[in-house]
Amino acid sequence: MTNITLMKVLFVSSGNTKFGISPIIKNQGLSISKQGVSVSYFNIKGKGLFGYLKNIFILGNYVRKEDINLIHAHYSLSAFVAAISSRKPVVASLMGSDVHKSVFMRKLIIFFTRYIWKITIVKSENMKEILGINSIVVIPNGVDLNVLKPIELSVAKKHTNFPENKKIVLFFANPERKEKNYTLAEKAIEILNDNGVSLQVVHGVDFHDVPFYLNASDVVLMTSISEGSPNVIKEAMACNTSIIATDVGDIKAIIGSTPGCYITSFDPVDVASKLKKALEFNGKTQGRDNILHLDSNIIADRIISIYESILSRMV
């Protein structure tokens, strides 16, 4: 078995965001490196299938020059490129949107899972059921509980510039992404018809600003049509913030029976009704206590165990 202190893992993922690598992926890499694994990063530049495929030779050359034991690719397109470009074992992490793509893409993912990638990780049981392969491993993204934690309301509001005299409903996603279903959120707020409530849309902020936005909000509202295991739900739980969310991905399992958190249908009247309940809850939840098992260090241990099992079979 490869000594953990000598294990060298390359994270491969999109580099197309303004942050370069996604904060979710970066944080997972940091949590794994804290356990003694050497983690480096390769950012793929380009969008769409053909944009990604242009990186095959670039990644292949990079891997040949570096001393790497294993590649951990995030999202299906990155994992396709990683598998084609190198003979190194590939762990593929599918992040949620992967399994909701076209039928062709889903069949391609199933083929690579069965015959090419060493291990495929998904973020929820729902994702595993959609792909229908027993060997797939379910490991949600972890939460850095040292960063995502309750903050005094006055401090959080000052940091975010949210209105002081309003109840804040936070839509923490890009409203232009159709799967986030922002129209439903707007309709629900319209039905709620409360001048004391302000719908705030936030996305693309620095990771270290996230806990301020969550703590400055009275309710986090997610109206998505589909999700895998959305981090913002776990992050809101870590900050003890109320949640209203549609029953997608693993959200119901995450929030469980936490008082102040509610699952809603896609009926805007129902969403408005649940919002009213959450706003009347008027306080912090105990959500943090219910996600301690998702601490990023615990998740890191599970992922490292997968690395070790793969590399031990190659000795």
C-alpha atoms as a PDB file:
ATOM      1  CA  MET A   1       0.000   0.000   0.000  1.00  0.00           C
ATOM      2  CA  THR A   2       1.265   3.478  -0.836  1.00  0.00           C
ATOM      3  CA  ASN A   3       2.381   5.381   2.267  1.00  0.00           C
ATOM      4  CA  ILE A   4      -0.105   8.210   2.774  1.00  0.00           C
ATOM      5  CA  THR A   5       2.710  10.730   3.279  1.00  0.00           C
ATOM      6  CA  LEU A   6       4.128   9.749  -0.130  1.00  0.00           C
ATOM      7  CA  MET A   7       0.810   9.644  -1.987  1.00  0.00           C
ATOM      8  CA  LYS A   8       0.577  12.211  -4.792  1.00  0.00           C
ATOM      9  CA  VAL A   9      -2.854  12.997  -6.201  1.00  0.00           C
ATOM     10  CA  LEU A  10      -3.692  15.324  -9.077  1.00  0.00           C
ATOM     11  CA  PHE A  11      -7.049  17.093  -8.942  1.00  0.00           C
ATOM     12  CA  VAL A  12      -8.413  17.764 -12.446  1.00  0.00           C
ATOM     13  CA  SER A  13     -11.344  20.117 -12.867  1.00  0.00           C
ATOM     14  CA  SER A  14     -12.675  23.103 -14.781  1.00  0.00           C
ATOM     15  CA  GLY A  15     -10.693  26.305 -14.533  1.00  0.00           C
ATOM     16  CA  ASN A  16     -13.347  28.419 -16.219  1.00  0.00           C
ATOM     17  CA  THR A  17     -14.744  30.220 -13.159  1.00  0.00           C
ATOM     18  CA  LYS A  18     -13.469  33.586 -11.968  1.00  0.00           C
ATOM     19  CA  PHE A  19     -11.863  31.779  -9.033  1.00  0.00           C
ATOM     20  CA  GLY A  20     -10.054  29.344 -11.345  1.00  0.00           C
ATOM     21  CA  ILE A  21     -10.777  26.146  -9.473  1.00  0.00           C
ATOM     22  CA  SER A  22     -14.181  25.833  -7.784  1.00  0.00           C
ATOM     23  CA  PRO A  23     -14.045  26.638  -4.036  1.00  0.00           C
ATOM     24  CA  ILE A  24     -15.859  23.346  -3.344  1.00  0.00           C
ATOM     25  CA  ILE A  25     -13.123  21.352  -5.081  1.00  0.00           C
ATOM     26  CA  LYS A  26     -10.330  23.490  -3.631  1.00  0.00           C
ATOM     27  CA  ASN A  27     -11.644  22.953  -0.111  1.00  0.00           C
ATOM     28  CA  GLN A  28     -11.823  19.200  -0.639  1.00  0.00           C
ATOM     29  CA  GLY A  29      -8.211  19.230  -1.817  1.00  0.00           C
ATOM     30  CA  LEU A  30      -7.148  21.213   1.242  1.00  0.00           C
ATOM     31  CA  SER A  31      -8.906  18.839   3.620  1.00  0.00           C
ATOM     32  CA  ILE A  32      -7.194  15.857   1.966  1.00  0.00           C
ATOM     33  CA  SER A  33      -3.768  17.530   2.005  1.00  0.00           C
ATOM     34  CA  LYS A  34      -4.156  18.199   5.740  1.00  0.00           C
ATOM     35  CA  GLN A  35      -4.173  14.413   6.198  1.00  0.00           C
ATOM     36  CA  GLY A  36      -0.720  14.164   4.615  1.00  0.00           C
ATOM     37  CA  VAL A  37      -1.574  13.511   0.956  1.00  0.00           C
ATOM     38  CA  SER A  38       0.213  15.673  -1.625  1.00  0.00           C
ATOM     39  CA  VAL A  39      -2.501  17.309  -3.756  1.00  0.00           C
ATOM     40  CA  SER A  40      -1.776  19.322  -6.914  1.00  0.00           C
ATOM     41  CA  TYR A  41      -4.225  20.880  -9.377  1.00  0.00           C
ATOM     42  CA  PHE A  42      -4.736  20.954 -13.141  1.00  0.00           C
ATOM     43  CA  ASN A  43      -7.358  23.401 -14.411  1.00  0.00           C
ATOM     44  CA  ILE A  44      -9.035  22.647 -17.715  1.00  0.00           C
ATOM     45  CA  LYS A  45      -9.583  25.703 -19.893  1.00  0.00           C
ATOM     46  CA  GLY A  46     -12.432  25.524 -22.378  1.00  0.00           C
ATOM     47  CA  LYS A  47     -16.156  24.881 -22.343  1.00  0.00           C
ATOM     48  CA  GLY A  48     -18.310  22.078 -23.720  1.00  0.00           C
ATOM     49  CA  LEU A  49     -17.207  18.620 -24.800  1.00  0.00           C
ATOM     50  CA  PHE A  50     -14.883  19.832 -27.563  1.00  0.00           C
ATOM     51  CA  GLY A  51     -13.435  22.578 -25.380  1.00  0.00           C
ATOM     52  CA  TYR A  52     -12.495  19.938 -22.813  1.00  0.00           C
ATOM     53  CA  LEU A  53     -11.119  17.486 -25.374  1.00  0.00           C
ATOM     54  CA  LYS A  54      -8.566  20.102 -26.459  1.00  0.00           C
ATOM     55  CA  ASN A  55      -6.903  19.589 -23.081  1.00  0.00           C
ATOM     56  CA  ILE A  56      -6.130  15.888 -23.593  1.00  0.00           C
ATOM     57  CA  PHE A  57      -2.562  16.331 -24.853  1.00  0.00           C
ATOM     58  CA  ILE A  58      -1.841  19.201 -22.465  1.00  0.00           C
ATOM     59  CA  LEU A  59      -2.897  17.121 -19.473  1.00  0.00           C
ATOM     60  CA  GLY A  60      -1.094  14.051 -20.807  1.00  0.00           C
ATOM     61  CA  ASN A  61       2.184  15.980 -21.069  1.00  0.00           C
ATOM     62  CA  TYR A  62       1.690  17.416 -17.581  1.00  0.00           C
ATOM     63  CA  VAL A  63       1.122  13.980 -16.020  1.00  0.00           C
ATOM     64  CA  ARG A  64       4.176  12.498 -17.765  1.00  0.00           C
ATOM     65  CA  LYS A  65       6.402  15.211 -16.297  1.00  0.00           C
ATOM     66  CA  GLU A  66       5.016  14.975 -12.777  1.00  0.00           C
ATOM     67  CA  ASP A  67       5.341  12.203 -10.188  1.00  0.00           C
ATOM     68  CA  ILE A  68       1.662  11.396  -9.709  1.00  0.00           C
ATOM     69  CA  ASN A  69       0.086   8.230  -8.273  1.00  0.00           C
ATOM     70  CA  LEU A  70      -3.538   8.904  -9.080  1.00  0.00           C
ATOM     71  CA  ILE A  71      -5.879  11.424 -10.731  1.00  0.00           C
ATOM     72  CA  HIS A  72      -9.052  12.605  -9.026  1.00  0.00           C
ATOM     73  CA  ALA A  73     -11.235  14.312 -11.646  1.00  0.00           C
ATOM     74  CA  HIS A  74     -14.272  16.411 -10.758  1.00  0.00           C
ATOM     75  CA  TYR A  75     -17.289  16.473 -13.085  1.00  0.00           C
ATOM     76  CA  SER A  76     -17.732  13.995 -15.937  1.00  0.00           C
ATOM     77  CA  LEU A  77     -16.053  16.016 -18.696  1.00  0.00           C
ATOM     78  CA  SER A  78     -12.880  16.412 -16.623  1.00  0.00           C
ATOM     79  CA  ALA A  79     -12.919  12.688 -15.862  1.00  0.00           C
ATOM     80  CA  PHE A  80     -13.263  11.815 -19.571  1.00  0.00           C
ATOM     81  CA  VAL A  81     -10.230  13.956 -20.383  1.00  0.00           C
ATOM     82  CA  ALA A  82      -8.224  12.532 -17.481  1.00  0.00           C
ATOM     83  CA  ALA A  83      -8.903   8.923 -18.495  1.00  0.00           C
ATOM     84  CA  ILE A  84      -8.072   9.494 -22.166  1.00  0.00           C
ATOM     85  CA  SER A  85      -4.919  11.521 -21.523  1.00  0.00           C
ATOM     86  CA  SER A  86      -3.132   9.183 -19.129  1.00  0.00           C
ATOM     87  CA  ARG A  87      -2.795   5.602 -17.915  1.00  0.00           C
ATOM     88  CA  LYS A  88      -2.855   6.746 -14.311  1.00  0.00           C
ATOM     89  CA  PRO A  89      -5.827   5.433 -12.308  1.00  0.00           C
ATOM     90  CA  VAL A  90      -8.734   7.882 -12.309  1.00  0.00           C
ATOM     91  CA  VAL A  91     -11.263   8.542  -9.550  1.00  0.00           C
ATOM     92  CA  ALA A  92     -14.254  10.379 -11.021  1.00  0.00           C
ATOM     93  CA  SER A  93     -16.408  12.614  -8.818  1.00  0.00           C
ATOM     94  CA  LEU A  94     -19.766  13.456 -10.394  1.00  0.00           C
ATOM     95  CA  MET A  95     -21.109  16.629  -8.851  1.00  0.00           C
ATOM     96  CA  GLY A  96     -24.842  16.510  -9.579  1.00  0.00           C
ATOM     97  CA  SER A  97     -25.568  18.175 -12.892  1.00  0.00           C
ATOM     98  CA  ASP A  98     -23.637  15.369 -14.655  1.00  0.00           C
ATOM     99  CA  VAL A  99     -26.399  12.791 -14.286  1.00  0.00           C
ATOM    100  CA  HIS A 100     -29.104  15.194 -15.432  1.00  0.00           C
ATOM    101  CA  LYS A 101     -27.493  15.857 -18.803  1.00  0.00           C
ATOM    102  CA  SER A 102     -28.552  14.310 -22.139  1.00  0.00           C
ATOM    103  CA  VAL A 103     -29.171  10.584 -22.525  1.00  0.00           C
ATOM    104  CA  PHE A 104     -25.966  10.357 -24.592  1.00  0.00           C
ATOM    105  CA  MET A 105     -23.870  11.897 -21.812  1.00  0.00           C
ATOM    106  CA  ARG A 106     -25.456   9.647 -19.212  1.00  0.00           C
ATOM    107  CA  LYS A 107     -24.658   6.550 -21.305  1.00  0.00           C
ATOM    108  CA  LEU A 108     -21.083   7.790 -21.716  1.00  0.00           C
ATOM    109  CA  ILE A 109     -20.780   8.197 -17.944  1.00  0.00           C
ATOM    110  CA  ILE A 110     -22.125   4.658 -17.411  1.00  0.00           C
ATOM    111  CA  PHE A 111     -19.600   3.233 -19.915  1.00  0.00           C
ATOM    112  CA  PHE A 112     -16.634   5.002 -18.262  1.00  0.00           C
ATOM    113  CA  THR A 113     -17.871   3.982 -14.804  1.00  0.00           C
ATOM    114  CA  ARG A 114     -18.043   0.326 -15.778  1.00  0.00           C
ATOM    115  CA  TYR A 115     -14.894   0.027 -17.886  1.00  0.00           C
ATOM    116  CA  ILE A 116     -12.510   2.983 -17.518  1.00  0.00           C
ATOM    117  CA  TRP A 117     -12.610   4.879 -14.217  1.00  0.00           C
ATOM    118  CA  LYS A 118     -11.335   2.976 -11.182  1.00  0.00           C
ATOM    119  CA  ILE A 119     -13.981   4.399  -8.867  1.00  0.00           C
ATOM    120  CA  THR A 120     -16.937   6.696  -9.499  1.00  0.00           C
ATOM    121  CA  ILE A 121     -18.097   8.885  -6.625  1.00  0.00           C
ATOM    122  CA  VAL A 122     -21.508  10.576  -6.599  1.00  0.00           C
ATOM    123  CA  LYS A 123     -22.888  13.025  -4.068  1.00  0.00           C
ATOM    124  CA  SER A 124     -26.247  11.436  -3.266  1.00  0.00           C
ATOM    125  CA  GLU A 125     -28.150   8.144  -3.315  1.00  0.00           C
ATOM    126  CA  ASN A 126     -30.468   9.674  -5.903  1.00  0.00           C
ATOM    127  CA  MET A 127     -27.549  10.124  -8.311  1.00  0.00           C
ATOM    128  CA  LYS A 128     -26.527   6.499  -7.796  1.00  0.00           C
ATOM    129  CA  GLU A 129     -30.082   5.312  -8.484  1.00  0.00           C
ATOM    130  CA  ILE A 130     -30.249   7.306 -11.725  1.00  0.00           C
ATOM    131  CA  LEU A 131     -27.033   5.709 -13.009  1.00  0.00           C
ATOM    132  CA  GLY A 132     -28.027   2.272 -11.716  1.00  0.00           C
ATOM    133  CA  ILE A 133     -24.542   0.899 -10.961  1.00  0.00           C
ATOM    134  CA  ASN A 134     -23.951  -0.797  -7.598  1.00  0.00           C
ATOM    135  CA  SER A 135     -20.198  -0.168  -7.540  1.00  0.00           C
ATOM    136  CA  ILE A 136     -20.687   3.607  -7.425  1.00  0.00           C
ATOM    137  CA  VAL A 137     -19.718   5.135  -4.071  1.00  0.00           C
ATOM    138  CA  VAL A 138     -21.840   7.846  -2.422  1.00  0.00           C
ATOM    139  CA  ILE A 139     -19.752  10.513  -0.673  1.00  0.00           C
ATOM    140  CA  PRO A 140     -21.231  14.009  -0.280  1.00  0.00           C
ATOM    141  CA  ASN A 141     -19.000  17.062  -0.327  1.00  0.00           C
ATOM    142  CA  GLY A 142     -17.793  17.927   3.137  1.00  0.00           C
ATOM    143  CA  VAL A 143     -18.296  21.175   5.034  1.00  0.00           C
ATOM    144  CA  ASP A 144     -15.457  23.140   6.608  1.00  0.00           C
ATOM    145  CA  LEU A 145     -17.050  23.624  10.010  1.00  0.00           C
ATOM    146  CA  ASN A 146     -14.214  25.908  11.081  1.00  0.00           C
ATOM    147  CA  VAL A 147     -15.246  28.436   8.412  1.00  0.00           C
ATOM    148  CA  LEU A 148     -18.989  27.736   8.101  1.00  0.00           C
ATOM    149  CA  LYS A 149     -20.293  28.580  11.559  1.00  0.00           C
ATOM    150  CA  PRO A 150     -22.732  30.919  13.299  1.00  0.00           C
ATOM    151  CA  ILE A 151     -21.764  34.611  13.298  1.00  0.00           C
ATOM    152  CA  GLU A 152     -23.432  37.411  15.241  1.00  0.00           C
ATOM    153  CA  LEU A 153     -26.240  38.917  13.138  1.00  0.00           C
ATOM    154  CA  SER A 154     -25.033  42.531  13.404  1.00  0.00           C
ATOM    155  CA  VAL A 155     -21.537  41.548  12.263  1.00  0.00           C
ATOM    156  CA  ALA A 156     -22.876  39.509   9.347  1.00  0.00           C
ATOM    157  CA  LYS A 157     -25.280  42.229   8.158  1.00  0.00           C
ATOM    158  CA  LYS A 158     -22.559  44.874   8.294  1.00  0.00           C
ATOM    159  CA  HIS A 159     -20.330  42.669   6.129  1.00  0.00           C
ATOM    160  CA  THR A 160     -23.041  42.044   3.508  1.00  0.00           C
ATOM    161  CA  ASN A 161     -24.845  45.398   3.456  1.00  0.00           C
ATOM    162  CA  PHE A 162     -28.213  43.633   3.600  1.00  0.00           C
ATOM    163  CA  PRO A 163     -31.093  45.909   4.665  1.00  0.00           C
ATOM    164  CA  GLU A 164     -31.118  46.298   8.459  1.00  0.00           C
ATOM    165  CA  ASN A 165     -34.898  46.635   8.789  1.00  0.00           C
ATOM    166  CA  LYS A 166     -35.935  43.694   6.581  1.00  0.00           C
ATOM    167  CA  LYS A 167     -36.264  39.952   6.934  1.00  0.00           C
ATOM    168  CA  ILE A 168     -33.808  38.472   4.429  1.00  0.00           C
ATOM    169  CA  VAL A 169     -34.671  35.561   2.134  1.00  0.00           C
ATOM    170  CA  LEU A 170     -31.454  34.477   0.441  1.00  0.00           C
ATOM    171  CA  PHE A 171     -31.410  32.932  -3.047  1.00  0.00           C
ATOM    172  CA  PHE A 172     -27.812  31.722  -3.170  1.00  0.00           C
ATOM    173  CA  ALA A 173     -27.419  30.778  -6.838  1.00  0.00           C
ATOM    174  CA  ASN A 174     -27.126  32.244 -10.303  1.00  0.00           C
ATOM    175  CA  PRO A 175     -30.728  33.099 -11.296  1.00  0.00           C
ATOM    176  CA  GLU A 176     -29.831  32.710 -14.989  1.00  0.00           C
ATOM    177  CA  ARG A 177     -29.255  28.980 -14.555  1.00  0.00           C
ATOM    178  CA  LYS A 178     -32.597  27.409 -15.518  1.00  0.00           C
ATOM    179  CA  GLU A 179     -32.215  24.449 -13.174  1.00  0.00           C
ATOM    180  CA  LYS A 180     -32.095  26.874 -10.208  1.00  0.00           C
ATOM    181  CA  ASN A 181     -35.703  27.876 -11.008  1.00  0.00           C
ATOM    182  CA  TYR A 182     -35.485  31.488  -9.828  1.00  0.00           C
ATOM    183  CA  THR A 183     -38.911  32.251 -11.300  1.00  0.00           C
ATOM    184  CA  LEU A 184     -40.501  30.064  -8.612  1.00  0.00           C
ATOM    185  CA  ALA A 185     -38.708  32.040  -5.898  1.00  0.00           C
ATOM    186  CA  GLU A 186     -39.966  35.322  -7.354  1.00  0.00           C
ATOM    187  CA  LYS A 187     -43.541  34.043  -7.557  1.00  0.00           C
ATOM    188  CA  ALA A 188     -43.459  32.849  -3.954  1.00  0.00           C
ATOM    189  CA  ILE A 189     -42.198  36.216  -2.708  1.00  0.00           C
ATOM    190  CA  GLU A 190     -44.922  37.943  -4.724  1.00  0.00           C
ATOM    191  CA  ILE A 191     -47.576  35.710  -3.119  1.00  0.00           C
ATOM    192  CA  LEU A 192     -46.071  36.272   0.335  1.00  0.00           C
ATOM    193  CA  ASN A 193     -46.656  39.984  -0.273  1.00  0.00           C
ATOM    194  CA  ASP A 194     -44.766  41.206   2.782  1.00  0.00           C
ATOM    195  CA  ASN A 195     -43.008  44.569   2.555  1.00  0.00           C
ATOM    196  CA  GLY A 196     -40.886  43.569   5.524  1.00  0.00           C
ATOM    197  CA  VAL A 197     -39.249  40.777   3.508  1.00  0.00           C
ATOM    198  CA  SER A 198     -36.407  41.274   1.019  1.00  0.00           C
ATOM    199  CA  LEU A 199     -35.349  38.633  -1.515  1.00  0.00           C
ATOM    200  CA  GLN A 200     -31.576  38.860  -1.951  1.00  0.00           C
ATOM    201  CA  VAL A 201     -29.780  37.097  -4.809  1.00  0.00           C
ATOM    202  CA  VAL A 202     -26.133  36.225  -4.202  1.00  0.00           C
ATOM    203  CA  HIS A 203     -23.712  34.102  -6.241  1.00  0.00           C
ATOM    204  CA  GLY A 204     -20.075  33.974  -7.254  1.00  0.00           C
ATOM    205  CA  VAL A 205     -18.727  35.336  -3.965  1.00  0.00           C
ATOM    206  CA  ASP A 206     -15.462  34.400  -2.270  1.00  0.00           C
ATOM    207  CA  PHE A 207     -15.764  31.283  -0.093  1.00  0.00           C
ATOM    208  CA  HIS A 208     -14.768  33.128   3.081  1.00  0.00           C
ATOM    209  CA  ASP A 209     -17.648  35.580   2.547  1.00  0.00           C
ATOM    210  CA  VAL A 210     -20.235  32.777   2.384  1.00  0.00           C
ATOM    211  CA  PRO A 211     -20.801  32.422   6.159  1.00  0.00           C
ATOM    212  CA  PHE A 212     -21.515  36.151   6.429  1.00  0.00           C
ATOM    213  CA  TYR A 213     -24.270  35.974   3.791  1.00  0.00           C
ATOM    214  CA  LEU A 214     -25.776  32.872   5.385  1.00  0.00           C
ATOM    215  CA  ASN A 215     -25.735  34.341   8.887  1.00  0.00           C
ATOM    216  CA  ALA A 216     -27.148  37.669   7.690  1.00  0.00           C
ATOM    217  CA  SER A 217     -30.175  35.841   6.231  1.00  0.00           C
ATOM    218  CA  ASP A 218     -33.342  34.711   7.961  1.00  0.00           C
ATOM    219  CA  VAL A 219     -34.071  31.992   5.390  1.00  0.00           C
ATOM    220  CA  VAL A 220     -32.119  30.298   2.608  1.00  0.00           C
ATOM    221  CA  LEU A 221     -34.476  29.536  -0.294  1.00  0.00           C
ATOM    222  CA  MET A 222     -33.651  26.849  -2.863  1.00  0.00           C
ATOM    223  CA  THR A 223     -36.225  26.214  -5.595  1.00  0.00           C
ATOM    224  CA  SER A 224     -34.079  24.047  -7.874  1.00  0.00           C
ATOM    225  CA  ILE A 225     -35.528  21.607 -10.382  1.00  0.00           C
ATOM    226  CA  SER A 226     -32.589  19.247  -9.871  1.00  0.00           C
ATOM    227  CA  GLU A 227     -29.538  18.989  -7.614  1.00  0.00           C
ATOM    228  CA  GLY A 228     -26.993  16.425  -6.505  1.00  0.00           C
ATOM    229  CA  SER A 229     -25.959  17.358  -2.977  1.00  0.00           C
ATOM    230  CA  PRO A 230     -26.031  21.165  -2.902  1.00  0.00           C
ATOM    231  CA  ASN A 231     -23.350  22.613  -0.668  1.00  0.00           C
ATOM    232  CA  VAL A 232     -25.300  25.715   0.251  1.00  0.00           C
ATOM    233  CA  ILE A 233     -27.853  23.574   2.112  1.00  0.00           C
ATOM    234  CA  LYS A 234     -25.127  21.985   4.235  1.00  0.00           C
ATOM    235  CA  GLU A 235     -23.481  25.372   4.701  1.00  0.00           C
ATOM    236  CA  ALA A 236     -26.770  26.910   5.851  1.00  0.00           C
ATOM    237  CA  MET A 237     -27.188  24.027   8.286  1.00  0.00           C
ATOM    238  CA  ALA A 238     -23.666  24.674   9.600  1.00  0.00           C
ATOM    239  CA  CYS A 239     -24.658  28.311  10.245  1.00  0.00           C
ATOM    240  CA  ASN A 240     -27.970  27.310  11.899  1.00  0.00           C
ATOM    241  CA  THR A 241     -29.942  29.224   9.256  1.00  0.00           C
ATOM    242  CA  SER A 242     -33.521  28.276   8.314  1.00  0.00           C
ATOM    243  CA  ILE A 243     -34.022  26.573   4.941  1.00  0.00           C
ATOM    244  CA  ILE A 244     -36.863  26.230   2.446  1.00  0.00           C
ATOM    245  CA  ALA A 245     -36.032  23.827  -0.389  1.00  0.00           C
ATOM    246  CA  THR A 246     -37.633  21.692  -3.059  1.00  0.00           C
ATOM    247  CA  ASP A 247     -37.287  17.928  -2.655  1.00  0.00           C
ATOM    248  CA  VAL A 248     -34.313  17.372  -4.962  1.00  0.00           C
ATOM    249  CA  GLY A 249     -30.984  15.591  -4.541  1.00  0.00           C
ATOM    250  CA  ASP A 250     -30.292  14.688  -0.930  1.00  0.00           C
ATOM    251  CA  ILE A 251     -31.788  17.829   0.609  1.00  0.00           C
ATOM    252  CA  LYS A 252     -34.542  16.011   2.512  1.00  0.00           C
ATOM    253  CA  ALA A 253     -31.984  13.651   4.041  1.00  0.00           C
ATOM    254  CA  ILE A 254     -29.688  16.533   4.995  1.00  0.00           C
ATOM    255  CA  ILE A 255     -32.234  18.733   6.770  1.00  0.00           C
ATOM    256  CA  GLY A 256     -34.197  15.802   8.197  1.00  0.00           C
ATOM    257  CA  SER A 257     -36.641  16.979  10.843  1.00  0.00           C
ATOM    258  CA  THR A 258     -34.651  20.077  11.814  1.00  0.00           C
ATOM    259  CA  PRO A 259     -37.122  22.647  13.218  1.00  0.00           C
ATOM    260  CA  GLY A 260     -37.144  25.804  11.088  1.00  0.00           C
ATOM    261  CA  CYS A 261     -36.270  23.917   7.894  1.00  0.00           C
ATOM    262  CA  TYR A 262     -38.951  22.846   5.411  1.00  0.00           C
ATOM    263  CA  ILE A 263     -39.302  20.881   2.177  1.00  0.00           C
ATOM    264  CA  THR A 264     -41.671  22.425  -0.350  1.00  0.00           C
ATOM    265  CA  SER A 265     -43.378  21.383  -3.560  1.00  0.00           C
ATOM    266  CA  PHE A 266     -43.017  23.350  -6.800  1.00  0.00           C
ATOM    267  CA  ASP A 267     -46.309  25.135  -6.137  1.00  0.00           C
ATOM    268  CA  PRO A 268     -45.515  28.827  -5.459  1.00  0.00           C
ATOM    269  CA  VAL A 269     -48.375  28.978  -2.945  1.00  0.00           C
ATOM    270  CA  ASP A 270     -46.754  26.136  -0.993  1.00  0.00           C
ATOM    271  CA  VAL A 271     -43.349  27.830  -1.177  1.00  0.00           C
ATOM    272  CA  ALA A 272     -44.870  31.081   0.137  1.00  0.00           C
ATOM    273  CA  SER A 273     -46.593  29.190   2.948  1.00  0.00           C
ATOM    274  CA  LYS A 274     -43.349  27.489   4.000  1.00  0.00           C
ATOM    275  CA  LEU A 275     -41.522  30.823   3.817  1.00  0.00           C
ATOM    276  CA  LYS A 276     -44.078  32.313   6.175  1.00  0.00           C
ATOM    277  CA  LYS A 277     -43.501  29.447   8.631  1.00  0.00           C
ATOM    278  CA  ALA A 278     -39.726  29.814   8.456  1.00  0.00           C
ATOM    279  CA  LEU A 279     -39.891  33.588   8.959  1.00  0.00           C
ATOM    280  CA  GLU A 280     -42.189  33.090  11.931  1.00  0.00           C
ATOM    281  CA  PHE A 281     -39.668  30.617  13.371  1.00  0.00           C
ATOM    282  CA  ASN A 282     -37.662  33.795  13.957  1.00  0.00           C
ATOM    283  CA  GLY A 283     -34.403  32.402  15.227  1.00  0.00           C
ATOM    284  CA  LYS A 284     -31.502  30.076  14.700  1.00  0.00           C
ATOM    285  CA  THR A 285     -31.995  26.365  14.035  1.00  0.00           C
ATOM    286  CA  GLN A 286     -29.976  23.488  15.469  1.00  0.00           C
ATOM    287  CA  GLY A 287     -28.963  22.394  11.982  1.00  0.00           C
ATOM    288  CA  ARG A 288     -25.239  22.369  12.732  1.00  0.00           C
ATOM    289  CA  ASP A 289     -25.651  19.486  15.190  1.00  0.00           C
ATOM    290  CA  ASN A 290     -27.250  17.412  12.417  1.00  0.00           C
ATOM    291  CA  ILE A 291     -24.373  17.656   9.916  1.00  0.00           C
ATOM    292  CA  LEU A 292     -21.346  16.971  12.096  1.00  0.00           C
ATOM    293  CA  HIS A 293     -20.876  13.726  10.159  1.00  0.00           C
ATOM    294  CA  LEU A 294     -20.246  15.849   7.045  1.00  0.00           C
ATOM    295  CA  ASP A 295     -17.231  17.617   8.512  1.00  0.00           C
ATOM    296  CA  SER A 296     -14.665  17.987   5.727  1.00  0.00           C
ATOM    297  CA  ASN A 297     -12.038  16.045   7.705  1.00  0.00           C
ATOM    298  CA  ILE A 298     -14.342  13.024   8.003  1.00  0.00           C
ATOM    299  CA  ILE A 299     -15.129  13.162   4.277  1.00  0.00           C
ATOM    300  CA  ALA A 300     -11.407  13.484   3.507  1.00  0.00           C
ATOM    301  CA  ASP A 301     -10.717  10.248   5.401  1.00  0.00           C
ATOM    302  CA  ARG A 302     -13.326   8.409   3.319  1.00  0.00           C
ATOM    303  CA  ILE A 303     -11.827   9.662   0.051  1.00  0.00           C
ATOM    304  CA  ILE A 304      -8.272   8.800   1.109  1.00  0.00           C
ATOM    305  CA  SER A 305      -9.428   5.260   1.901  1.00  0.00           C
ATOM    306  CA  ILE A 306     -10.573   4.969  -1.717  1.00  0.00           C
ATOM    307  CA  TYR A 307      -7.190   6.180  -2.963  1.00  0.00           C
ATOM    308  CA  GLU A 308      -5.435   3.621  -0.773  1.00  0.00           C
ATOM    309  CA  SER A 309      -7.651   0.759  -1.935  1.00  0.00           C
ATOM    310  CA  ILE A 310      -6.955   1.567  -5.596  1.00  0.00           C
ATOM    311  CA  LEU A 311      -3.192   1.953  -5.192  1.00  0.00           C
ATOM    312  CA  SER A 312      -2.849  -1.170  -3.018  1.00  0.00           C
ATOM    313  CA  ARG A 313      -4.274  -3.248  -5.873  1.00  0.00           C
ATOM    314  CA  MET A 314      -1.656  -1.875  -8.240  1.00  0.00           C
ATOM    315  CA  VAL A 315       1.386  -2.960  -6.192  1.00  0.00           C
END
